[in-house]
C-alpha atoms as a PDB file:
ATOM      1  CA  UNK A   1     247.016 231.555 101.652  1.00  0.00           C
ATOM      2  CA  UNK A   2     243.721 233.005 102.776  1.00  0.00           C
ATOM      3  CA  UNK A   3     240.523 230.995 102.859  1.00  0.00           C
ATOM      4  CA  UNK A   4     237.571 232.066 100.745  1.00  0.00           C
ATOM      5  CA  UNK A   5     234.845 233.817 102.633  1.00  0.00           C
ATOM      6  CA  UNK A   6     231.810 231.665 103.339  1.00  0.00           C
ATOM      7  CA  UNK A   7     229.454 234.562 102.617  1.00  0.00           C
ATOM      8  CA  UNK A   8     230.936 235.145  99.182  1.00  0.00           C
ATOM      9  CA  UNK A   9     231.547 238.808  99.881  1.00  0.00           C
ATOM     10  CA  UNK A  10     235.078 239.796  99.026  1.00  0.00           C
ATOM     11  CA  UNK A  11     236.030 243.393  98.517  1.00  0.00           C
ATOM     12  CA  UNK A  12     238.442 246.128  99.372  1.00  0.00           C
ATOM     13  CA  UNK A  13     237.389 246.396 103.038  1.00  0.00           C
ATOM     14  CA  UNK A  14     238.883 244.076 105.629  1.00  0.00           C
ATOM     15  CA  UNK A  15     236.462 241.701 107.314  1.00  0.00           C
ATOM     16  CA  UNK A  16     236.526 243.583 110.617  1.00  0.00           C
ATOM     17  CA  UNK A  17     235.271 246.818 108.991  1.00  0.00           C
ATOM     18  CA  UNK A  18     232.442 244.991 107.290  1.00  0.00           C
ATOM     19  CA  UNK A  19     230.570 244.475 110.512  1.00  0.00           C
ATOM     20  CA  UNK A  20     227.698 246.892 110.916  1.00  0.00           C
ATOM     21  CA  UNK A  21     228.744 248.431 114.214  1.00  0.00           C
ATOM     22  CA  UNK A  22     232.316 249.104 113.105  1.00  0.00           C
ATOM     23  CA  UNK A  23     231.148 250.761 109.899  1.00  0.00           C
ATOM     24  CA  UNK A  24     228.553 252.838 111.778  1.00  0.00           C
ATOM     25  CA  UNK A  25     231.093 254.035 114.327  1.00  0.00           C
ATOM     26  CA  UNK A  26     233.642 254.820 111.628  1.00  0.00           C
ATOM     27  CA  UNK A  27     231.071 256.782 109.632  1.00  0.00           C
ATOM     28  CA  UNK A  28     229.914 258.725 112.693  1.00  0.00           C
ATOM     29  CA  UNK A  29     233.473 259.580 113.718  1.00  0.00           C
ATOM     30  CA  UNK A  30     234.338 260.769 110.210  1.00  0.00           C
ATOM     31  CA  UNK A  31     231.098 262.781 109.916  1.00  0.00           C
ATOM     32  CA  UNK A  32     231.453 264.515 113.272  1.00  0.00           C
ATOM     33  CA  UNK A  33     235.207 264.924 112.927  1.00  0.00           C
ATOM     34  CA  UNK A  34     234.824 266.700 109.602  1.00  0.00           C
ATOM     35  CA  UNK A  35     232.436 269.314 110.970  1.00  0.00           C
ATOM     36  CA  UNK A  36     234.355 269.738 114.213  1.00  0.00           C
ATOM     37  CA  UNK A  37     237.493 270.248 112.128  1.00  0.00           C
ATOM     38  CA  UNK A  38     235.732 272.867 110.002  1.00  0.00           C
ATOM     39  CA  UNK A  39     234.553 274.665 113.139  1.00  0.00           C
ATOM     40  CA  UNK A  40     238.032 274.591 114.614  1.00  0.00           C
ATOM     41  CA  UNK A  41     239.610 275.804 111.369  1.00  0.00           C
ATOM     42  CA  UNK A  42     237.182 278.688 110.891  1.00  0.00           C
ATOM     43  CA  UNK A  43     236.584 279.553 114.559  1.00  0.00           C
ATOM     44  CA  UNK A  44     237.779 283.136 114.181  1.00  0.00           C
ATOM     45  CA  UNK A  45     235.569 283.800 111.172  1.00  0.00           C
ATOM     46  CA  UNK A  46     232.603 282.181 112.927  1.00  0.00           C
ATOM     47  CA  UNK A  47     233.174 284.403 115.961  1.00  0.00           C
ATOM     48  CA  UNK A  48     233.256 287.495 113.740  1.00  0.00           C
ATOM     49  CA  UNK A  49     230.030 286.388 112.028  1.00  0.00           C
ATOM     50  CA  UNK A  50     228.377 285.880 115.434  1.00  0.00           C
ATOM     51  CA  UNK A  51     229.418 289.365 116.560  1.00  0.00           C
ATOM     52  CA  UNK A  52     228.081 290.860 113.329  1.00  0.00           C
ATOM     53  CA  UNK A  53     224.798 288.950 113.677  1.00  0.00           C
ATOM     54  CA  UNK A  54     224.425 290.138 117.271  1.00  0.00           C
ATOM     55  CA  UNK A  55     225.056 293.708 116.197  1.00  0.00           C
ATOM     56  CA  UNK A  56     222.531 293.521 113.349  1.00  0.00           C
ATOM     57  CA  UNK A  57     219.875 291.846 115.500  1.00  0.00           C
ATOM     58  CA  UNK A  58     216.688 291.041 113.592  1.00  0.00           C
ATOM     59  CA  UNK A  59     218.166 292.315 110.362  1.00  0.00           C
ATOM     60  CA  UNK A  60     220.562 289.366 110.332  1.00  0.00           C
ATOM     61  CA  UNK A  61     217.636 286.959 110.063  1.00  0.00           C
ATOM     62  CA  UNK A  62     216.083 289.064 107.301  1.00  0.00           C
ATOM     63  CA  UNK A  63     219.361 289.150 105.357  1.00  0.00           C
ATOM     64  CA  UNK A  64     219.852 285.382 105.634  1.00  0.00           C
ATOM     65  CA  UNK A  65     216.235 284.701 104.666  1.00  0.00           C
ATOM     66  CA  UNK A  66     216.491 287.100 101.717  1.00  0.00           C
ATOM     67  CA  UNK A  67     219.707 285.513 100.486  1.00  0.00           C
ATOM     68  CA  UNK A  68     218.166 282.044 100.755  1.00  0.00           C
ATOM     69  CA  UNK A  69     215.040 283.221  98.924  1.00  0.00           C
ATOM     70  CA  UNK A  70     217.168 284.715  96.156  1.00  0.00           C
ATOM     71  CA  UNK A  71     219.162 281.483  95.864  1.00  0.00           C
ATOM     72  CA  UNK A  72     215.958 279.443  95.706  1.00  0.00           C
ATOM     73  CA  UNK A  73     214.471 281.770  93.093  1.00  0.00           C
ATOM     74  CA  UNK A  74     217.533 281.465  90.872  1.00  0.00           C
ATOM     75  CA  UNK A  75     217.488 277.653  91.170  1.00  0.00           C
ATOM     76  CA  UNK A  76     213.775 277.430  90.294  1.00  0.00           C
ATOM     77  CA  UNK A  77     214.171 279.815  87.353  1.00  0.00           C
ATOM     78  CA  UNK A  78     217.151 277.894  85.951  1.00  0.00           C
ATOM     79  CA  UNK A  79     215.233 274.627  86.306  1.00  0.00           C
ATOM     80  CA  UNK A  80     212.229 276.039  84.455  1.00  0.00           C
ATOM     81  CA  UNK A  81     214.473 277.295  81.645  1.00  0.00           C
ATOM     82  CA  UNK A  82     216.116 273.871  81.377  1.00  0.00           C
ATOM     83  CA  UNK A  83     212.754 272.086  81.280  1.00  0.00           C
ATOM     84  CA  UNK A  84     211.505 274.476  78.600  1.00  0.00           C
ATOM     85  CA  UNK A  85     214.637 273.838  76.505  1.00  0.00           C
ATOM     86  CA  UNK A  86     214.227 270.083  76.855  1.00  0.00           C
ATOM     87  CA  UNK A  87     210.622 270.322  75.754  1.00  0.00           C
ATOM     88  CA  UNK A  88     211.559 272.365  72.675  1.00  0.00           C
ATOM     89  CA  UNK A  89     214.490 270.125  71.721  1.00  0.00           C
ATOM     90  CA  UNK A  90     212.329 267.037  71.018  1.00  0.00           C
ATOM     91  CA  UNK A  91     212.328 265.579  67.521  1.00  0.00           C
ATOM     92  CA  UNK A  92     209.123 264.077  66.166  1.00  0.00           C
ATOM     93  CA  UNK A  93     208.869 261.188  63.704  1.00  0.00           C
ATOM     94  CA  UNK A  94     206.551 262.962  61.265  1.00  0.00           C
END
């Protein structure tokens, strides 16, 4: 039988993972490993995108900036519409 923890913290994680350094290292390895794995998986597509960006030159930056601006504009517009609908949907007591 296992003894009760003196700190009162019992959970799903084993005691060795609860230490701060172990959890930090585990989180860092998972975080970096995920993005390295994505880069490895899509390396061919990333190489093609780099070749296309090099061929387009300055236009590549303009296209990316324009797409981001369009995305931001859509998000702001949808938020304003939602806020306007919430303001209209209120029910008064009188």
